[in-house]
Structure formats: C-alpha cells, structure tokens
Amino acid sequence: MQSLRQRLLVVEDDLTVARALSRALARAGYSVAVARSCAAARSLAQSFDLAILDLDLPDGNGADLGRALLSEGKVPSVLFFTSSSDSSLLARARCLGSVVMKSLGTSPVLAWLAANAANTSEVPQSGTAPSAHSYRASSASSLRRSRAR
C-alpha cells in the first residue's frame, strides 16, 4: 500500500480493461482517474504522478497523448498498457516510457509502479533523480529489468 497516495491517470477506451486496471490500482493504494479518450484526458485540469496509457484510442494514439501530457507538465512519466501490434507505434511509445502488454495482465503494471516508487524514494540529498529504469515483460511469468540508456 502506498504511504502517500499517488494520483494516476488511466487512459483506456475499453471499459472492461479500464475497470479492471483501476480496481487493481485502487486496491494497491493509488488514487485513479480514468479518461476514455485523448480529448477527455487533455481536458483534465489537474496534474498526475503518472499516466498509464493505451496506445490505440478512438481519437488518437497514446504515444502522441503521452508526449503532450509530458510536455505540458501534466505528468512526469508515462507507462503504456497496450495490446497494440503496430511496431512503429510501440517504438515511439518506448521512447517515452515503458510498455506493458495487456495480455500479461495488471501484475507487471503493479510491479513497475512498486519498483518506480522504490527508486523515487532513493533520491540523493543532492536533489538529482535516481537513474531511470525500464521494465519489459518478457513472458507472462517474469519481468526483466534493464537500465535505460
């Protein structure tokens, strides 16, 4: 459970997936807001600690939305939770953040969040951020952690 409730934005057009993901996140102690389109996400005035974005959305794609949310300062980081098979779109997403395939379920998302929280709690006193990490799911039963370069 999170000691400080982080505010997460989930952008997912599939209602079943949005509900399952937001329930899992809420059980883990996160405060969750759900938007079902790019337009709905862009219209939100508040900022969030993280955005979890689908790549295939009805009015755009998560990579473009992620870039916009990051550049507008609405989120400091993004995680993509997708079933997209578009290699170009997946490559664009990986340039912005980590990608977790929906077929693996919510466990890799929760693992990524837990590891990210552990890394941000280790910020040195100098104020510099800890080194960035990327998490790639290599199979349904394992998660491989590799340093982002």
N, C-alpha and C. Protein backbone atom coordinates (compact mmCIF):
# COMPACT_ATOMS: atom_id res chain seq x y z
N MET A 1 0.84 -1.18 0.00
CA MET A 1 0.00 0.00 0.00
C MET A 1 0.89 1.24 0.00
N GLN A 2 0.54 2.23 -0.74
CA GLN A 2 1.32 3.45 -0.83
C GLN A 2 1.15 4.29 0.44
N SER A 3 2.24 4.85 0.97
CA SER A 3 2.13 5.70 2.14
C SER A 3 1.56 7.06 1.73
N LEU A 4 1.95 7.59 0.62
CA LEU A 4 1.38 8.80 0.05
C LEU A 4 0.64 8.38 -1.20
N ARG A 5 -0.67 8.63 -1.24
CA ARG A 5 -1.46 8.17 -2.38
C ARG A 5 -1.06 8.92 -3.64
N GLN A 6 -0.46 8.21 -4.55
CA GLN A 6 -0.10 8.80 -5.83
C GLN A 6 -1.34 8.90 -6.70
N ARG A 7 -1.43 9.98 -7.47
CA ARG A 7 -2.55 10.19 -8.37
C ARG A 7 -2.17 9.69 -9.75
N LEU A 8 -2.92 8.71 -10.24
CA LEU A 8 -2.64 8.12 -11.54
C LEU A 8 -3.77 8.44 -12.51
N LEU A 9 -3.40 8.71 -13.74
CA LEU A 9 -4.35 8.89 -14.81
C LEU A 9 -4.30 7.65 -15.69
N VAL A 10 -5.44 6.99 -15.87
CA VAL A 10 -5.55 5.85 -16.76
C VAL A 10 -6.35 6.30 -17.97
N VAL A 11 -5.77 6.16 -19.17
CA VAL A 11 -6.49 6.48 -20.39
C VAL A 11 -6.67 5.19 -21.17
N GLU A 12 -7.91 4.71 -21.18
CA GLU A 12 -8.25 3.41 -21.75
C GLU A 12 -9.68 3.47 -22.28
N ASP A 13 -9.87 3.13 -23.55
CA ASP A 13 -11.21 3.19 -24.13
C ASP A 13 -12.04 1.95 -23.89
N ASP A 14 -11.43 0.83 -23.58
CA ASP A 14 -12.17 -0.41 -23.31
C ASP A 14 -12.61 -0.38 -21.84
N LEU A 15 -13.92 -0.29 -21.64
CA LEU A 15 -14.47 -0.13 -20.30
C LEU A 15 -14.08 -1.29 -19.37
N THR A 16 -14.09 -2.51 -19.88
CA THR A 16 -13.73 -3.67 -19.06
C THR A 16 -12.28 -3.58 -18.58
N VAL A 17 -11.38 -3.23 -19.48
CA VAL A 17 -9.96 -3.10 -19.12
C VAL A 17 -9.77 -1.93 -18.16
N ALA A 18 -10.43 -0.81 -18.43
CA ALA A 18 -10.32 0.37 -17.56
C ALA A 18 -10.76 0.05 -16.14
N ARG A 19 -11.88 -0.67 -16.02
CA ARG A 19 -12.37 -1.03 -14.68
C ARG A 19 -11.41 -1.98 -13.97
N ALA A 20 -10.95 -3.01 -14.66
CA ALA A 20 -10.04 -3.97 -14.04
C ALA A 20 -8.75 -3.30 -13.59
N LEU A 21 -8.18 -2.47 -14.45
CA LEU A 21 -6.93 -1.79 -14.11
C LEU A 21 -7.13 -0.80 -12.97
N SER A 22 -8.18 -0.01 -13.03
CA SER A 22 -8.40 0.99 -11.97
C SER A 22 -8.69 0.31 -10.63
N ARG A 23 -9.41 -0.82 -10.64
CA ARG A 23 -9.64 -1.57 -9.39
C ARG A 23 -8.34 -2.09 -8.80
N ALA A 24 -7.50 -2.68 -9.65
CA ALA A 24 -6.21 -3.20 -9.18
C ALA A 24 -5.35 -2.08 -8.60
N LEU A 25 -5.34 -0.95 -9.26
CA LEU A 25 -4.55 0.19 -8.78
C LEU A 25 -5.11 0.74 -7.47
N ALA A 26 -6.42 0.85 -7.37
CA ALA A 26 -7.04 1.34 -6.14
C ALA A 26 -6.76 0.40 -4.98
N ARG A 27 -6.84 -0.92 -5.22
CA ARG A 27 -6.52 -1.91 -4.17
C ARG A 27 -5.07 -1.77 -3.71
N ALA A 28 -4.21 -1.36 -4.61
CA ALA A 28 -2.80 -1.18 -4.27
C ALA A 28 -2.54 0.17 -3.59
N GLY A 29 -3.59 0.99 -3.44
CA GLY A 29 -3.45 2.24 -2.70
C GLY A 29 -3.30 3.49 -3.53
N TYR A 30 -3.51 3.41 -4.83
CA TYR A 30 -3.39 4.58 -5.69
C TYR A 30 -4.73 5.26 -5.86
N SER A 31 -4.69 6.55 -6.07
CA SER A 31 -5.87 7.33 -6.44
C SER A 31 -5.92 7.35 -7.96
N VAL A 32 -7.04 6.94 -8.56
CA VAL A 32 -7.10 6.73 -10.00
C VAL A 32 -8.19 7.57 -10.65
N ALA A 33 -7.83 8.26 -11.71
CA ALA A 33 -8.81 8.95 -12.57
C ALA A 33 -8.76 8.25 -13.92
N VAL A 34 -9.92 8.03 -14.52
CA VAL A 34 -9.99 7.33 -15.81
C VAL A 34 -10.55 8.27 -16.87
N ALA A 35 -9.88 8.30 -18.02
CA ALA A 35 -10.37 9.01 -19.20
C ALA A 35 -10.46 7.97 -20.31
N ARG A 36 -11.47 8.06 -21.16
CA ARG A 36 -11.68 7.04 -22.18
C ARG A 36 -11.26 7.49 -23.57
N SER A 37 -10.68 8.68 -23.68
CA SER A 37 -10.21 9.18 -24.98
C SER A 37 -9.09 10.20 -24.76
N CYS A 38 -8.41 10.52 -25.84
CA CYS A 38 -7.36 11.55 -25.78
C CYS A 38 -7.97 12.89 -25.38
N ALA A 39 -9.11 13.23 -25.99
CA ALA A 39 -9.76 14.51 -25.69
C ALA A 39 -10.14 14.61 -24.22
N ALA A 40 -10.69 13.53 -23.67
CA ALA A 40 -11.07 13.54 -22.26
C ALA A 40 -9.84 13.72 -21.36
N ALA A 41 -8.75 13.07 -21.70
CA ALA A 41 -7.51 13.20 -20.91
C ALA A 41 -6.95 14.62 -21.01
N ARG A 42 -6.96 15.17 -22.20
CA ARG A 42 -6.42 16.53 -22.38
C ARG A 42 -7.27 17.58 -21.67
N SER A 43 -8.56 17.31 -21.49
CA SER A 43 -9.45 18.30 -20.86
C SER A 43 -9.30 18.36 -19.35
N LEU A 44 -8.63 17.38 -18.75
CA LEU A 44 -8.46 17.38 -17.30
C LEU A 44 -7.49 18.49 -16.89
N ALA A 45 -7.90 19.27 -15.92
CA ALA A 45 -7.09 20.42 -15.50
C ALA A 45 -5.96 20.02 -14.55
N GLN A 46 -6.17 18.98 -13.75
CA GLN A 46 -5.18 18.63 -12.73
C GLN A 46 -3.99 17.88 -13.33
N SER A 47 -2.94 17.83 -12.54
CA SER A 47 -1.77 17.04 -12.93
C SER A 47 -1.79 15.73 -12.15
N PHE A 48 -1.00 14.77 -12.62
CA PHE A 48 -0.97 13.44 -12.03
C PHE A 48 0.47 13.02 -11.81
N ASP A 49 0.67 12.02 -10.97
CA ASP A 49 2.01 11.50 -10.71
C ASP A 49 2.48 10.57 -11.81
N LEU A 50 1.54 10.00 -12.56
CA LEU A 50 1.87 9.08 -13.65
C LEU A 50 0.64 8.90 -14.52
N ALA A 51 0.86 8.71 -15.81
CA ALA A 51 -0.24 8.35 -16.71
C ALA A 51 0.02 6.95 -17.24
N ILE A 52 -1.03 6.13 -17.22
CA ILE A 52 -0.99 4.79 -17.80
C ILE A 52 -1.89 4.85 -19.03
N LEU A 53 -1.28 4.70 -20.20
CA LEU A 53 -1.97 4.98 -21.46
C LEU A 53 -2.07 3.77 -22.36
N ASP A 54 -3.25 3.60 -22.96
CA ASP A 54 -3.41 2.65 -24.05
C ASP A 54 -2.82 3.33 -25.28
N LEU A 55 -2.34 2.58 -26.23
CA LEU A 55 -1.82 3.17 -27.46
C LEU A 55 -2.89 3.39 -28.51
N ASP A 56 -3.84 2.47 -28.60
CA ASP A 56 -4.90 2.57 -29.61
C ASP A 56 -6.15 3.16 -28.97
N LEU A 57 -6.38 4.44 -29.23
CA LEU A 57 -7.52 5.15 -28.66
C LEU A 57 -8.43 5.64 -29.78
N PRO A 58 -9.70 5.88 -29.50
CA PRO A 58 -10.64 6.21 -30.57
C PRO A 58 -10.35 7.54 -31.29
N ASP A 59 -9.69 8.46 -30.62
CA ASP A 59 -9.46 9.77 -31.23
C ASP A 59 -7.98 10.14 -31.31
N GLY A 60 -7.12 9.15 -31.36
CA GLY A 60 -5.68 9.40 -31.45
C GLY A 60 -4.92 8.21 -30.93
N ASN A 61 -3.67 8.45 -30.57
CA ASN A 61 -2.88 7.34 -30.02
C ASN A 61 -2.19 7.79 -28.74
N GLY A 62 -1.89 6.80 -27.92
CA GLY A 62 -1.29 7.07 -26.63
C GLY A 62 0.10 7.67 -26.68
N ALA A 63 0.85 7.39 -27.74
CA ALA A 63 2.20 7.96 -27.85
C ALA A 63 2.12 9.48 -28.01
N ASP A 64 1.24 9.95 -28.90
CA ASP A 64 1.07 11.39 -29.06
C ASP A 64 0.51 12.02 -27.79
N LEU A 65 -0.46 11.35 -27.18
CA LEU A 65 -1.03 11.86 -25.93
C LEU A 65 0.03 11.91 -24.84
N GLY A 66 0.84 10.86 -24.73
CA GLY A 66 1.90 10.85 -23.72
C GLY A 66 2.88 11.99 -23.91
N ARG A 67 3.28 12.21 -25.15
CA ARG A 67 4.20 13.32 -25.44
C ARG A 67 3.57 14.66 -25.02
N ALA A 68 2.28 14.85 -25.31
CA ALA A 68 1.60 16.09 -24.95
C ALA A 68 1.50 16.25 -23.43
N LEU A 69 1.12 15.19 -22.74
CA LEU A 69 1.00 15.28 -21.28
C LEU A 69 2.34 15.57 -20.61
N LEU A 70 3.39 14.96 -21.13
CA LEU A 70 4.74 15.21 -20.61
C LEU A 70 5.17 16.65 -20.88
N SER A 71 4.99 17.12 -22.11
CA SER A 71 5.45 18.48 -22.47
C SER A 71 4.64 19.56 -21.76
N GLU A 72 3.36 19.28 -21.46
CA GLU A 72 2.52 20.25 -20.74
C GLU A 72 2.73 20.19 -19.23
N GLY A 73 3.55 19.26 -18.77
CA GLY A 73 3.82 19.14 -17.34
C GLY A 73 2.67 18.53 -16.55
N LYS A 74 1.74 17.85 -17.22
CA LYS A 74 0.62 17.23 -16.51
C LYS A 74 1.03 15.92 -15.84
N VAL A 75 2.09 15.29 -16.33
CA VAL A 75 2.65 14.08 -15.73
C VAL A 75 4.16 14.09 -15.88
N PRO A 76 4.88 13.54 -14.90
CA PRO A 76 6.33 13.45 -15.04
C PRO A 76 6.78 12.19 -15.79
N SER A 77 5.89 11.19 -15.87
CA SER A 77 6.25 9.96 -16.59
C SER A 77 4.99 9.24 -17.06
N VAL A 78 5.20 8.37 -18.06
CA VAL A 78 4.10 7.60 -18.64
C VAL A 78 4.49 6.13 -18.71
N LEU A 79 3.47 5.30 -18.62
CA LEU A 79 3.60 3.86 -18.79
C LEU A 79 2.51 3.47 -19.78
N PHE A 80 2.86 2.68 -20.78
CA PHE A 80 1.89 2.26 -21.78
C PHE A 80 1.43 0.85 -21.48
N PHE A 81 0.11 0.66 -21.44
CA PHE A 81 -0.52 -0.64 -21.18
C PHE A 81 -1.37 -0.91 -22.41
N THR A 82 -0.91 -1.81 -23.27
CA THR A 82 -1.50 -1.90 -24.60
C THR A 82 -1.53 -3.32 -25.15
N SER A 83 -2.34 -3.49 -26.16
CA SER A 83 -2.33 -4.73 -26.93
C SER A 83 -1.98 -4.43 -28.38
N SER A 84 -1.47 -3.25 -28.63
CA SER A 84 -1.13 -2.84 -29.99
C SER A 84 -0.03 -3.73 -30.57
N SER A 85 -0.16 -4.02 -31.86
CA SER A 85 0.87 -4.78 -32.56
C SER A 85 1.58 -3.91 -33.59
N ASP A 86 1.29 -2.62 -33.58
CA ASP A 86 1.90 -1.67 -34.51
C ASP A 86 3.34 -1.39 -34.05
N SER A 87 4.31 -1.97 -34.75
CA SER A 87 5.71 -1.87 -34.30
C SER A 87 6.21 -0.43 -34.29
N SER A 88 5.77 0.37 -35.22
CA SER A 88 6.19 1.78 -35.25
C SER A 88 5.64 2.53 -34.03
N LEU A 89 4.39 2.30 -33.73
CA LEU A 89 3.77 2.96 -32.58
C LEU A 89 4.39 2.47 -31.27
N LEU A 90 4.68 1.18 -31.17
CA LEU A 90 5.34 0.64 -29.98
C LEU A 90 6.73 1.24 -29.81
N ALA A 91 7.45 1.42 -30.90
CA ALA A 91 8.79 2.02 -30.82
C ALA A 91 8.70 3.47 -30.34
N ARG A 92 7.72 4.21 -30.85
CA ARG A 92 7.52 5.60 -30.40
C ARG A 92 7.19 5.64 -28.92
N ALA A 93 6.36 4.71 -28.48
CA ALA A 93 5.98 4.66 -27.07
C ALA A 93 7.19 4.36 -26.19
N ARG A 94 8.03 3.42 -26.62
CA ARG A 94 9.22 3.06 -25.82
C ARG A 94 10.20 4.22 -25.68
N CYS A 95 10.15 5.17 -26.59
CA CYS A 95 11.00 6.36 -26.46
C CYS A 95 10.51 7.28 -25.34
N LEU A 96 9.24 7.13 -24.97
CA LEU A 96 8.64 7.99 -23.94
C LEU A 96 8.53 7.35 -22.57
N GLY A 97 8.41 6.02 -22.55
CA GLY A 97 8.22 5.33 -21.29
C GLY A 97 8.23 3.83 -21.49
N SER A 98 7.91 3.11 -20.44
CA SER A 98 7.87 1.66 -20.50
C SER A 98 6.57 1.20 -21.14
N VAL A 99 6.62 -0.01 -21.71
CA VAL A 99 5.45 -0.60 -22.36
C VAL A 99 5.18 -1.96 -21.72
N VAL A 100 3.93 -2.17 -21.31
CA VAL A 100 3.49 -3.45 -20.78
C VAL A 100 2.34 -3.93 -21.67
N MET A 101 2.43 -5.16 -22.11
CA MET A 101 1.38 -5.72 -22.96
C MET A 101 0.19 -6.15 -22.09
N LYS A 102 -1.02 -5.82 -22.54
CA LYS A 102 -2.24 -6.15 -21.79
C LYS A 102 -2.39 -7.65 -21.57
N SER A 103 -1.90 -8.45 -22.50
CA SER A 103 -2.05 -9.90 -22.38
C SER A 103 -1.40 -10.45 -21.12
N LEU A 104 -0.49 -9.69 -20.51
CA LEU A 104 0.18 -10.11 -19.28
C LEU A 104 -0.61 -9.76 -18.03
N GLY A 105 -1.68 -9.01 -18.17
CA GLY A 105 -2.50 -8.62 -17.03
C GLY A 105 -1.94 -7.42 -16.30
N THR A 106 -2.48 -7.17 -15.12
CA THR A 106 -2.10 -5.97 -14.36
C THR A 106 -0.88 -6.17 -13.47
N SER A 107 -0.47 -7.40 -13.23
CA SER A 107 0.67 -7.65 -12.34
C SER A 107 1.95 -6.92 -12.76
N PRO A 108 2.32 -6.94 -14.06
CA PRO A 108 3.53 -6.19 -14.44
C PRO A 108 3.40 -4.68 -14.24
N VAL A 109 2.19 -4.15 -14.37
CA VAL A 109 1.96 -2.72 -14.11
C VAL A 109 2.22 -2.43 -12.64
N LEU A 110 1.64 -3.25 -11.76
CA LEU A 110 1.84 -3.06 -10.33
C LEU A 110 3.30 -3.23 -9.93
N ALA A 111 3.99 -4.18 -10.55
CA ALA A 111 5.42 -4.38 -10.28
C ALA A 111 6.23 -3.17 -10.72
N TRP A 112 5.90 -2.63 -11.88
CA TRP A 112 6.60 -1.43 -12.37
C TRP A 112 6.38 -0.27 -11.42
N LEU A 113 5.15 -0.08 -10.98
CA LEU A 113 4.84 1.02 -10.05
C LEU A 113 5.59 0.86 -8.73
N ALA A 114 5.63 -0.36 -8.22
CA ALA A 114 6.34 -0.61 -6.96
C ALA A 114 7.83 -0.32 -7.10
N ALA A 115 8.42 -0.76 -8.20
CA ALA A 115 9.84 -0.50 -8.44
C ALA A 115 10.10 0.98 -8.65
N ASN A 116 9.21 1.65 -9.35
CA ASN A 116 9.36 3.08 -9.60
C ASN A 116 9.25 3.85 -8.28
N ALA A 117 8.33 3.45 -7.40
CA ALA A 117 8.19 4.10 -6.10
C ALA A 117 9.45 3.89 -5.27
N ALA A 118 10.03 2.70 -5.33
CA ALA A 118 11.26 2.42 -4.58
C ALA A 118 12.40 3.29 -5.09
N ASN A 119 12.48 3.46 -6.41
CA ASN A 119 13.55 4.28 -6.99
C ASN A 119 13.39 5.74 -6.63
N THR A 120 12.16 6.26 -6.63
CA THR A 120 11.97 7.67 -6.33
C THR A 120 12.16 7.96 -4.86
N SER A 121 12.03 6.93 -3.99
CA SER A 121 12.27 7.16 -2.57
C SER A 121 13.76 7.20 -2.26
N GLU A 122 14.59 6.84 -3.24
CA GLU A 122 16.03 6.82 -3.04
C GLU A 122 16.72 8.04 -3.67
N VAL A 123 16.00 9.16 -3.78
CA VAL A 123 16.59 10.35 -4.38
C VAL A 123 17.70 10.86 -3.47
N PRO A 124 18.90 11.03 -4.02
CA PRO A 124 20.02 11.50 -3.21
C PRO A 124 19.75 12.90 -2.66
N GLN A 125 20.44 13.25 -1.58
CA GLN A 125 20.25 14.56 -0.97
C GLN A 125 20.65 15.69 -1.90
N SER A 126 21.45 15.43 -2.89
CA SER A 126 21.85 16.49 -3.82
C SER A 126 20.68 16.95 -4.68
N GLY A 127 19.58 16.17 -4.67
CA GLY A 127 18.42 16.56 -5.44
C GLY A 127 18.38 15.96 -6.83
N THR A 128 19.41 15.21 -7.18
CA THR A 128 19.39 14.59 -8.50
C THR A 128 18.54 13.34 -8.44
N ALA A 129 17.86 13.05 -9.52
CA ALA A 129 16.97 11.89 -9.56
C ALA A 129 17.78 10.61 -9.70
N PRO A 130 17.24 9.49 -9.21
CA PRO A 130 17.93 8.22 -9.41
C PRO A 130 17.93 7.86 -10.88
N SER A 131 18.81 6.95 -11.25
CA SER A 131 18.88 6.56 -12.65
C SER A 131 17.57 5.95 -13.10
N ALA A 132 17.21 6.21 -14.35
CA ALA A 132 15.96 5.71 -14.89
C ALA A 132 16.07 4.23 -15.21
N HIS A 133 14.96 3.53 -15.05
CA HIS A 133 14.91 2.11 -15.36
C HIS A 133 13.74 1.85 -16.30
N SER A 134 13.90 0.86 -17.10
CA SER A 134 12.82 0.43 -17.99
C SER A 134 12.47 -1.01 -17.65
N TYR A 135 11.19 -1.32 -17.68
CA TYR A 135 10.72 -2.66 -17.37
C TYR A 135 10.02 -3.23 -18.58
N ARG A 136 10.51 -4.36 -19.04
CA ARG A 136 9.91 -5.00 -20.19
C ARG A 136 9.45 -6.38 -19.78
N ALA A 137 8.21 -6.67 -20.06
CA ALA A 137 7.70 -8.00 -19.75
C ALA A 137 8.23 -8.97 -20.80
N SER A 138 8.93 -10.01 -20.38
CA SER A 138 9.49 -10.96 -21.33
C SER A 138 8.62 -12.19 -21.46
N SER A 139 7.77 -12.45 -20.49
CA SER A 139 6.81 -13.55 -20.58
C SER A 139 5.73 -13.30 -19.54
N ALA A 140 4.70 -14.12 -19.54
CA ALA A 140 3.61 -13.93 -18.59
C ALA A 140 4.07 -14.16 -17.15
N SER A 141 5.13 -14.90 -16.95
CA SER A 141 5.54 -15.23 -15.60
C SER A 141 6.76 -14.45 -15.11
N SER A 142 7.34 -13.63 -15.97
CA SER A 142 8.53 -12.93 -15.49
C SER A 142 8.60 -11.53 -16.04
N LEU A 143 9.35 -10.73 -15.34
CA LEU A 143 9.58 -9.36 -15.76
C LEU A 143 11.08 -9.14 -15.76
N ARG A 144 11.59 -8.61 -16.85
CA ARG A 144 13.02 -8.36 -16.92
C ARG A 144 13.27 -6.88 -16.75
N ARG A 145 14.20 -6.54 -15.91
CA ARG A 145 14.52 -5.15 -15.63
C ARG A 145 15.83 -4.81 -16.32
N SER A 146 15.81 -3.74 -17.08
CA SER A 146 17.04 -3.32 -17.76
C SER A 146 17.20 -1.82 -17.60
N ARG A 147 18.41 -1.41 -17.42
CA ARG A 147 18.68 0.03 -17.29
C ARG A 147 18.44 0.73 -18.60
N ALA A 148 17.71 1.85 -18.52
CA ALA A 148 17.50 2.69 -19.70
C ALA A 148 18.79 3.45 -19.96
N ARG A 149 19.13 3.56 -21.21
CA ARG A 149 20.39 4.27 -21.52
C ARG A 149 20.10 5.50 -22.31
